Amino acid sequence: MQEAESDADAVLRVAAEAGRIVLEAGGETYRAEDVIGALASALGALNIESFATPTGLMVSCEDQYGRHRSLIRRIRKRQMNLDKIARVNALARDAVAGSVGLDEADRRLCEIDVLGTYAAPIPALSASLVTGFFCLLFGGSWNDAIVAGLIGLFMGRITSWFAQMRLSGFFINIAGGSFAALVALAALSIGLASHLDTVIIGAIMLLVPGVMIVNAIRDTIAGDLVAGVARGAEAFISAAGISIGVGVMLKLWDLAGGAL
């Protein structure tokens, strides 16, 4: 009996870890719940129930003797990583197909959990290209795009450093918006850029919580109202941080006697 209890606890732990990885990688709450249910059921758990929010996860199941097991996991960090989500989904499908057992699932989850992101130059270059071409998209000149690209290059690194310091996303967006506005104003004042608005808009697109907004809508449509409202509020706060950062810097520049 003790061995069966240990197996049930292990299945519950593995399923909860899979859900935690999905949520920390930026996955929707309904996706995390689906992965937990599929994986736990395939590994032998009974009557699986899970409840996920962007900041927490609760899972319960029964063993073969009808004893209830439950587990809670806090989600303390979230960073978009679609590769992790895809790998966890693949693991759940393999478990349902019967090709993965408990030990193998545990091992693969440990490998997925420690997967890194791209090497440092790639995100920086991507941020530069994104901001530069968004500037062109909004009607900026090539000089404006170059300035916006340089802002994106450095802003990506700055926000990454702040994130590693576990600074709140709200304050990271304030700092990013302020930096974008300051560099754009400086570039305009020395003649490197000609359209202040397009440079700033192109640069701050790097900070806009687009995926967060989409996930909020998808969670709400899927019936996860708590998660949908929570993600929507988080997206609103992030957007407010960007606006505050840009607005404060524009006002300070004006008070300092700079021309807008």
Protein backbone atom coordinates (compact mmCIF):
# COMPACT_ATOMS: atom_id res chain seq x y z
CA MET A 1 0.00 0.00 0.00
CA GLN A 2 2.82 2.37 0.82
CA GLU A 3 4.38 1.83 -2.61
CA ALA A 4 1.07 2.67 -4.33
CA GLU A 5 0.82 5.86 -2.27
CA SER A 6 4.34 6.83 -3.31
CA ASP A 7 3.48 6.21 -6.95
CA ALA A 8 0.41 8.44 -6.69
CA ASP A 9 2.45 11.19 -5.08
CA ALA A 10 5.08 10.90 -7.80
CA VAL A 11 2.48 11.11 -10.57
CA LEU A 12 0.93 14.16 -8.93
CA ARG A 13 4.32 15.83 -8.59
CA VAL A 14 5.29 15.14 -12.22
CA ALA A 15 1.95 16.41 -13.53
CA ALA A 16 2.19 19.56 -11.41
CA GLU A 17 5.73 20.18 -12.64
CA ALA A 18 4.52 19.94 -16.23
CA GLY A 19 1.82 22.52 -15.54
CA ARG A 20 4.28 24.79 -13.76
CA ILE A 21 6.68 24.74 -16.71
CA VAL A 22 3.87 25.60 -19.13
CA LEU A 23 2.72 28.57 -17.03
CA GLU A 24 6.24 29.86 -16.41
CA ALA A 25 6.92 29.65 -20.15
CA GLY A 26 3.95 31.91 -20.88
CA GLY A 27 1.35 29.26 -21.73
CA GLU A 28 -2.37 29.72 -21.24
CA THR A 29 -3.99 28.38 -18.08
CA TYR A 30 -6.30 26.03 -19.98
CA ARG A 31 -3.26 24.56 -21.73
CA ALA A 32 -1.57 23.91 -18.38
CA GLU A 33 -4.73 22.22 -17.07
CA ASP A 34 -5.03 20.07 -20.21
CA VAL A 35 -1.40 18.97 -19.93
CA ILE A 36 -1.82 18.10 -16.25
CA GLY A 37 -4.97 16.08 -16.87
CA ALA A 38 -3.57 14.20 -19.86
CA LEU A 39 -0.23 13.42 -18.24
CA ALA A 40 -1.59 12.38 -14.85
CA SER A 41 -4.30 10.21 -16.40
CA ALA A 42 -1.80 8.51 -18.70
CA LEU A 43 0.48 7.78 -15.74
CA GLY A 44 -2.30 6.11 -13.75
CA ALA A 45 -3.87 8.78 -11.56
CA LEU A 46 -7.65 8.81 -11.07
CA ASN A 47 -10.17 11.67 -10.86
CA ILE A 48 -7.65 14.36 -11.70
CA GLU A 49 -8.68 17.94 -11.01
CA SER A 50 -6.55 21.01 -11.63
CA PHE A 51 -7.03 24.74 -11.26
CA ALA A 52 -4.47 27.10 -12.77
CA THR A 53 -4.07 30.85 -12.59
CA PRO A 54 -1.16 32.94 -13.90
CA THR A 55 0.35 32.96 -10.40
CA GLY A 56 -0.56 29.57 -8.96
CA LEU A 57 -1.49 25.98 -9.61
CA MET A 58 -3.55 23.46 -7.60
CA VAL A 59 -3.76 19.78 -8.52
CA SER A 60 -5.56 16.85 -6.88
CA CYS A 61 -6.11 13.20 -7.73
CA GLU A 62 -6.98 9.83 -6.19
CA ASP A 63 -4.82 6.75 -5.89
CA GLN A 64 -6.14 3.25 -6.49
CA TYR A 65 -7.31 3.04 -2.87
CA GLY A 66 -9.46 6.16 -3.12
CA ARG A 67 -7.12 8.35 -1.09
CA HIS A 68 -7.02 11.97 -2.17
CA ARG A 69 -3.74 13.67 -2.96
CA SER A 70 -3.26 17.38 -3.54
CA LEU A 71 -0.42 19.69 -4.44
CA ILE A 72 0.03 23.45 -4.80
CA ARG A 73 2.66 25.23 -6.86
CA ARG A 74 3.35 28.97 -6.91
CA ILE A 75 4.30 30.59 -10.21
CA ARG A 76 6.87 33.23 -9.31
CA LYS A 77 8.40 33.95 -12.70
CA ARG A 78 7.10 34.09 -16.26
CA GLN A 79 9.21 34.34 -19.37
CA MET A 80 7.97 33.50 -22.85
CA ASN A 81 9.53 30.26 -24.13
CA LEU A 82 7.46 28.49 -26.78
CA ASP A 83 10.04 25.71 -27.07
CA LYS A 84 9.35 24.59 -23.50
CA ILE A 85 5.59 24.63 -24.10
CA ALA A 86 5.97 22.57 -27.27
CA ARG A 87 8.21 20.03 -25.53
CA VAL A 88 5.82 19.60 -22.59
CA ASN A 89 2.92 19.14 -25.01
CA ALA A 90 4.93 16.51 -26.89
CA LEU A 91 5.70 14.74 -23.61
CA ALA A 92 2.00 14.65 -22.69
CA ARG A 93 1.12 13.21 -26.11
CA ASP A 94 3.82 10.55 -25.77
CA ALA A 95 2.51 9.62 -22.32
CA VAL A 96 -1.04 9.29 -23.65
CA ALA A 97 0.28 7.09 -26.46
CA GLY A 98 1.89 4.84 -23.85
CA SER A 99 5.48 5.37 -24.95
CA VAL A 100 6.57 7.26 -21.81
CA GLY A 101 6.49 6.03 -18.22
CA LEU A 102 6.72 7.88 -14.92
CA ASP A 103 10.51 7.87 -14.62
CA GLU A 104 11.02 8.89 -18.24
CA ALA A 105 8.47 11.70 -17.90
CA ASP A 106 10.22 12.96 -14.77
CA ARG A 107 13.60 12.89 -16.51
CA ARG A 108 12.35 14.72 -19.60
CA LEU A 109 10.65 17.39 -17.50
CA CYS A 110 13.91 18.04 -15.66
CA GLU A 111 15.65 18.49 -19.01
CA ILE A 112 12.93 20.81 -20.30
CA ASP A 113 12.96 22.91 -17.13
CA VAL A 114 16.63 23.84 -17.49
CA LEU A 115 16.45 24.71 -21.19
CA GLY A 116 17.88 28.14 -21.85
CA THR A 117 16.85 30.78 -24.32
CA TYR A 118 18.83 32.07 -27.28
CA ALA A 119 22.41 33.27 -26.88
CA ALA A 120 22.71 36.94 -25.91
CA PRO A 121 23.44 38.44 -29.39
CA ILE A 122 20.32 36.92 -30.97
CA PRO A 123 17.65 38.57 -28.74
CA ALA A 124 19.51 41.88 -28.94
CA LEU A 125 19.69 41.76 -32.74
CA SER A 126 16.04 40.68 -32.94
CA ALA A 127 14.98 43.57 -30.70
CA SER A 128 16.88 45.98 -32.92
CA LEU A 129 15.25 44.67 -36.10
CA VAL A 130 11.76 44.67 -34.56
CA THR A 131 11.93 48.26 -33.35
CA GLY A 132 13.55 49.51 -36.55
CA PHE A 133 11.02 47.97 -38.89
CA PHE A 134 8.08 48.96 -36.70
CA CYS A 135 9.32 52.53 -37.02
CA LEU A 136 9.27 52.17 -40.81
CA LEU A 137 5.82 50.60 -40.62
CA PHE A 138 4.47 53.64 -38.78
CA GLY A 139 5.81 56.03 -41.41
CA GLY A 140 9.30 56.85 -40.17
CA SER A 141 12.30 57.49 -42.37
CA TRP A 142 15.34 55.23 -42.62
CA ASN A 143 17.21 57.52 -40.22
CA ASP A 144 14.32 57.20 -37.76
CA ALA A 145 14.42 53.42 -38.17
CA ILE A 146 18.15 53.30 -37.43
CA VAL A 147 17.64 55.34 -34.25
CA ALA A 148 14.71 53.14 -33.19
CA GLY A 149 16.81 50.05 -33.91
CA LEU A 150 19.62 51.31 -31.70
CA ILE A 151 17.12 52.07 -28.95
CA GLY A 152 15.75 48.54 -29.24
CA LEU A 153 19.25 47.07 -29.14
CA PHE A 154 20.11 48.68 -25.82
CA MET A 155 16.62 48.67 -24.33
CA GLY A 156 16.42 44.90 -24.75
CA ARG A 157 19.59 44.47 -22.73
CA ILE A 158 18.52 46.97 -20.08
CA THR A 159 15.12 45.37 -19.52
CA SER A 160 16.77 41.93 -19.45
CA TRP A 161 19.15 43.06 -16.70
CA PHE A 162 16.28 44.51 -14.70
CA ALA A 163 14.33 41.26 -15.10
CA GLN A 164 17.31 39.29 -13.76
CA MET A 165 17.24 41.58 -10.73
CA ARG A 166 13.58 40.51 -10.29
CA LEU A 167 12.37 44.07 -10.63
CA SER A 168 8.62 44.41 -11.13
CA GLY A 169 7.50 44.38 -14.76
CA PHE A 170 5.66 47.66 -14.16
CA PHE A 171 8.87 49.46 -13.23
CA ILE A 172 10.79 47.73 -16.03
CA ASN A 173 8.32 49.17 -18.52
CA ILE A 174 8.59 52.61 -16.94
CA ALA A 175 12.37 52.44 -17.29
CA GLY A 176 12.14 51.14 -20.86
CA GLY A 177 9.65 53.81 -21.92
CA SER A 178 11.76 56.55 -20.32
CA PHE A 179 14.91 55.30 -22.04
CA ALA A 180 13.19 55.13 -25.43
CA ALA A 181 11.81 58.66 -25.09
CA LEU A 182 15.11 60.11 -23.84
CA VAL A 183 17.20 58.67 -26.70
CA ALA A 184 14.56 59.65 -29.27
CA LEU A 185 14.51 63.23 -27.96
CA ALA A 186 18.30 63.41 -27.97
CA ALA A 187 18.46 62.04 -31.53
CA LEU A 188 15.87 64.56 -32.69
CA SER A 189 17.71 67.47 -31.07
CA ILE A 190 21.00 66.69 -32.86
CA GLY A 191 19.37 65.92 -36.18
CA LEU A 192 19.75 62.14 -36.28
CA ALA A 193 15.98 61.63 -36.40
CA SER A 194 13.20 63.65 -37.97
CA HIS A 195 9.99 62.16 -36.54
CA LEU A 196 9.86 61.89 -32.76
CA ASP A 197 6.54 60.07 -32.61
CA THR A 198 7.46 57.27 -35.01
CA VAL A 199 10.80 56.66 -33.30
CA ILE A 200 9.19 56.38 -29.86
CA ILE A 201 6.28 54.26 -31.08
CA GLY A 202 8.59 51.91 -32.96
CA ALA A 203 10.87 51.56 -29.94
CA ILE A 204 8.18 50.90 -27.34
CA MET A 205 6.60 48.18 -29.48
CA LEU A 206 9.26 45.97 -27.93
CA LEU A 207 7.55 46.46 -24.55
CA VAL A 208 3.91 46.21 -25.64
CA PRO A 209 2.32 43.14 -23.93
CA GLY A 210 0.80 41.69 -27.10
CA VAL A 211 1.08 38.01 -26.17
CA MET A 212 -0.29 38.78 -22.71
CA ILE A 213 -3.35 40.43 -24.24
CA VAL A 214 -3.92 37.49 -26.60
CA ASN A 215 -3.60 35.01 -23.72
CA ALA A 216 -6.08 37.04 -21.67
CA ILE A 217 -8.60 36.86 -24.50
CA ARG A 218 -8.02 33.15 -25.09
CA ASP A 219 -8.32 32.29 -21.39
CA THR A 220 -11.56 34.27 -21.17
CA ILE A 221 -13.01 32.59 -24.27
CA ALA A 222 -12.00 29.20 -22.86
CA GLY A 223 -14.02 29.95 -19.72
CA ASP A 224 -11.08 30.68 -17.39
CA LEU A 225 -12.50 34.00 -16.26
CA VAL A 226 -10.19 34.48 -13.27
CA ALA A 227 -7.07 33.90 -15.37
CA GLY A 228 -8.42 36.03 -18.21
CA VAL A 229 -9.17 38.99 -15.97
CA ALA A 230 -5.82 38.61 -14.18
CA ARG A 231 -3.86 38.57 -17.44
CA GLY A 232 -5.89 41.48 -18.78
CA ALA A 233 -5.14 43.52 -15.66
CA GLU A 234 -1.46 42.65 -15.95
CA ALA A 235 -1.43 43.76 -19.59
CA PHE A 236 -3.15 47.03 -18.67
CA ILE A 237 -0.61 47.72 -15.91
CA SER A 238 2.26 46.97 -18.31
CA ALA A 239 0.85 49.37 -20.89
CA ALA A 240 0.36 52.00 -18.18
CA GLY A 241 4.01 51.63 -17.19
CA ILE A 242 5.13 52.29 -20.77
CA SER A 243 2.89 55.36 -21.00
CA ILE A 244 4.12 56.73 -17.68
CA GLY A 245 7.76 56.28 -18.66
CA VAL A 246 7.37 58.03 -22.01
CA GLY A 247 5.11 60.78 -20.66
CA VAL A 248 7.32 61.63 -17.70
CA MET A 249 10.43 61.84 -19.88
CA LEU A 250 8.68 64.08 -22.43
CA LYS A 251 7.53 66.38 -19.63
CA LEU A 252 10.97 66.53 -18.00
CA TRP A 253 12.56 67.31 -21.36
CA ASP A 254 10.06 70.12 -21.90
CA LEU A 255 10.66 71.53 -18.41
CA ALA A 256 14.41 71.42 -19.03
CA GLY A 257 13.93 73.69 -22.03
CA GLY A 258 14.26 71.13 -24.78
CA ALA A 259 12.25 71.57 -27.95
CA LEU A 260 9.70 68.90 -28.81
